[in-house]
């Protein structure tokens, strides 16, 4: 399952809390997750709960400075709607475009 992870600053997190050591630890942890195939353009996990468990190990999350909103990515459903009735008797053929909506 692919998930989009949107980072949010935790309420009350201040700039001073983001120490150089903590930021370096965060970068190292994310690099390890990338090398393991968990982080790509989107997260790769079995479920949102599994992704949340992995993200909970990030130093900035453990320090209470950030959290993540996870959005499962799904295939575009528009094609299913477009082709759902293609086998109907009055469905347009490839050389006969469908009439504009509302007509």
C-alpha atoms as a PDB file:
ATOM      1  CA  UNK A   1       0.000   0.000   0.000  1.00  0.00           C
ATOM      2  CA  UNK A   2       1.295   3.442  -0.852  1.00  0.00           C
ATOM      3  CA  UNK A   3       0.664   6.298   1.554  1.00  0.00           C
ATOM      4  CA  UNK A   4       1.327  10.001   1.382  1.00  0.00           C
ATOM      5  CA  UNK A   5       2.757  11.234   4.696  1.00  0.00           C
ATOM      6  CA  UNK A   6       2.063  14.894   5.356  1.00  0.00           C
ATOM      7  CA  UNK A   7       4.234  16.313   8.132  1.00  0.00           C
ATOM      8  CA  UNK A   8       2.719  18.715  10.649  1.00  0.00           C
ATOM      9  CA  UNK A   9       4.558  20.587  13.389  1.00  0.00           C
ATOM     10  CA  UNK A  10       3.324  19.499  16.774  1.00  0.00           C
ATOM     11  CA  UNK A  11       1.466  22.139  18.781  1.00  0.00           C
ATOM     12  CA  UNK A  12       3.920  24.112  20.887  1.00  0.00           C
ATOM     13  CA  UNK A  13       7.010  22.970  18.965  1.00  0.00           C
ATOM     14  CA  UNK A  14       9.550  25.812  18.869  1.00  0.00           C
ATOM     15  CA  UNK A  15      12.439  26.384  16.485  1.00  0.00           C
ATOM     16  CA  UNK A  16      14.882  26.036  19.376  1.00  0.00           C
ATOM     17  CA  UNK A  17      13.723  22.444  19.931  1.00  0.00           C
ATOM     18  CA  UNK A  18      15.070  21.405  16.530  1.00  0.00           C
ATOM     19  CA  UNK A  19      18.677  20.884  17.607  1.00  0.00           C
ATOM     20  CA  UNK A  20      21.433  20.013  15.162  1.00  0.00           C
ATOM     21  CA  UNK A  21      21.822  16.583  16.781  1.00  0.00           C
ATOM     22  CA  UNK A  22      18.099  15.856  16.519  1.00  0.00           C
ATOM     23  CA  UNK A  23      17.935  16.978  12.894  1.00  0.00           C
ATOM     24  CA  UNK A  24      20.952  14.825  12.016  1.00  0.00           C
ATOM     25  CA  UNK A  25      19.376  11.821  13.757  1.00  0.00           C
ATOM     26  CA  UNK A  26      16.144  12.464  11.801  1.00  0.00           C
ATOM     27  CA  UNK A  27      18.009  12.599   8.489  1.00  0.00           C
ATOM     28  CA  UNK A  28      19.923   9.397   9.290  1.00  0.00           C
ATOM     29  CA  UNK A  29      16.732   7.573  10.281  1.00  0.00           C
ATOM     30  CA  UNK A  30      14.935   8.687   7.121  1.00  0.00           C
ATOM     31  CA  UNK A  31      17.915   7.600   5.017  1.00  0.00           C
ATOM     32  CA  UNK A  32      17.734   4.156   6.642  1.00  0.00           C
ATOM     33  CA  UNK A  33      13.996   3.983   5.866  1.00  0.00           C
ATOM     34  CA  UNK A  34      14.704   4.958   2.264  1.00  0.00           C
ATOM     35  CA  UNK A  35      17.383   2.282   1.937  1.00  0.00           C
ATOM     36  CA  UNK A  36      14.918  -0.272   3.362  1.00  0.00           C
ATOM     37  CA  UNK A  37      12.337   0.663   0.689  1.00  0.00           C
ATOM     38  CA  UNK A  38       9.831   2.186   3.127  1.00  0.00           C
ATOM     39  CA  UNK A  39      10.263   5.781   1.908  1.00  0.00           C
ATOM     40  CA  UNK A  40      10.086   6.462  -1.815  1.00  0.00           C
ATOM     41  CA  UNK A  41       7.943   9.116  -3.458  1.00  0.00           C
ATOM     42  CA  UNK A  42       5.293   7.752  -1.104  1.00  0.00           C
ATOM     43  CA  UNK A  43       5.522   5.426   1.866  1.00  0.00           C
ATOM     44  CA  UNK A  44       5.308   1.685   1.224  1.00  0.00           C
ATOM     45  CA  UNK A  45       3.534  -0.159   4.053  1.00  0.00           C
ATOM     46  CA  UNK A  46       0.962  -2.891   4.583  1.00  0.00           C
ATOM     47  CA  UNK A  47      -1.468  -0.472   6.236  1.00  0.00           C
ATOM     48  CA  UNK A  48      -1.721   3.070   7.599  1.00  0.00           C
ATOM     49  CA  UNK A  49      -1.246   1.613  11.084  1.00  0.00           C
ATOM     50  CA  UNK A  50       1.977  -0.105  10.033  1.00  0.00           C
ATOM     51  CA  UNK A  51       3.239   3.136   8.474  1.00  0.00           C
ATOM     52  CA  UNK A  52       2.346   5.097  11.608  1.00  0.00           C
ATOM     53  CA  UNK A  53       4.282   2.590  13.722  1.00  0.00           C
ATOM     54  CA  UNK A  54       7.404   3.059  11.575  1.00  0.00           C
ATOM     55  CA  UNK A  55       7.078   6.854  11.565  1.00  0.00           C
ATOM     56  CA  UNK A  56       6.713   6.816  15.358  1.00  0.00           C
ATOM     57  CA  UNK A  57      10.380   5.805  15.491  1.00  0.00           C
ATOM     58  CA  UNK A  58      11.598   9.030  13.883  1.00  0.00           C
ATOM     59  CA  UNK A  59      13.511  11.206  16.342  1.00  0.00           C
ATOM     60  CA  UNK A  60      11.402  14.322  15.706  1.00  0.00           C
ATOM     61  CA  UNK A  61       8.213  12.295  16.261  1.00  0.00           C
ATOM     62  CA  UNK A  62       9.608  10.743  19.448  1.00  0.00           C
ATOM     63  CA  UNK A  63      10.581  14.238  20.641  1.00  0.00           C
ATOM     64  CA  UNK A  64       6.977  15.369  20.097  1.00  0.00           C
ATOM     65  CA  UNK A  65       7.957  17.991  17.516  1.00  0.00           C
ATOM     66  CA  UNK A  66       6.155  16.620  14.460  1.00  0.00           C
ATOM     67  CA  UNK A  67       3.458  14.159  13.554  1.00  0.00           C
ATOM     68  CA  UNK A  68       2.151  12.830  10.272  1.00  0.00           C
ATOM     69  CA  UNK A  69      -1.183  12.730   8.521  1.00  0.00           C
ATOM     70  CA  UNK A  70      -1.336   9.616   6.358  1.00  0.00           C
ATOM     71  CA  UNK A  71      -3.356   9.543   3.160  1.00  0.00           C
ATOM     72  CA  UNK A  72      -3.698   6.158   1.411  1.00  0.00           C
ATOM     73  CA  UNK A  73      -3.085   6.476  -2.326  1.00  0.00           C
ATOM     74  CA  UNK A  74      -5.453   4.577  -4.565  1.00  0.00           C
ATOM     75  CA  UNK A  75      -5.693   4.030  -8.280  1.00  0.00           C
ATOM     76  CA  UNK A  76      -7.594   6.645 -10.247  1.00  0.00           C
ATOM     77  CA  UNK A  77     -11.263   5.488 -10.289  1.00  0.00           C
ATOM     78  CA  UNK A  78     -12.264   7.574 -13.305  1.00  0.00           C
ATOM     79  CA  UNK A  79     -11.440   4.879 -15.834  1.00  0.00           C
ATOM     80  CA  UNK A  80     -13.827   2.447 -14.164  1.00  0.00           C
ATOM     81  CA  UNK A  81     -16.583   5.045 -14.428  1.00  0.00           C
ATOM     82  CA  UNK A  82     -15.720   5.790 -18.050  1.00  0.00           C
ATOM     83  CA  UNK A  83     -15.731   2.187 -19.177  1.00  0.00           C
ATOM     84  CA  UNK A  84     -18.356   0.711 -16.850  1.00  0.00           C
ATOM     85  CA  UNK A  85     -21.019   0.691 -19.588  1.00  0.00           C
ATOM     86  CA  UNK A  86     -18.809  -0.065 -22.586  1.00  0.00           C
ATOM     87  CA  UNK A  87     -20.522  -3.413 -23.140  1.00  0.00           C
ATOM     88  CA  UNK A  88     -24.006  -1.867 -23.148  1.00  0.00           C
ATOM     89  CA  UNK A  89     -25.827  -2.129 -26.524  1.00  0.00           C
ATOM     90  CA  UNK A  90     -25.853   1.653 -27.073  1.00  0.00           C
ATOM     91  CA  UNK A  91     -22.256   2.241 -25.877  1.00  0.00           C
ATOM     92  CA  UNK A  92     -20.112   4.282 -28.282  1.00  0.00           C
ATOM     93  CA  UNK A  93     -17.547   2.360 -30.310  1.00  0.00           C
ATOM     94  CA  UNK A  94     -13.894   3.457 -30.456  1.00  0.00           C
ATOM     95  CA  UNK A  95     -14.544   5.252 -33.751  1.00  0.00           C
ATOM     96  CA  UNK A  96     -17.741   6.849 -32.417  1.00  0.00           C
ATOM     97  CA  UNK A  97     -17.090   9.247 -29.505  1.00  0.00           C
ATOM     98  CA  UNK A  98     -19.563   9.487 -26.676  1.00  0.00           C
ATOM     99  CA  UNK A  99     -22.000  12.406 -26.845  1.00  0.00           C
ATOM    100  CA  UNK A 100     -21.253  15.353 -24.539  1.00  0.00           C
ATOM    101  CA  UNK A 101     -22.693  15.054 -21.046  1.00  0.00           C
ATOM    102  CA  UNK A 102     -26.195  16.426 -20.630  1.00  0.00           C
ATOM    103  CA  UNK A 103     -27.429  15.559 -24.104  1.00  0.00           C
END
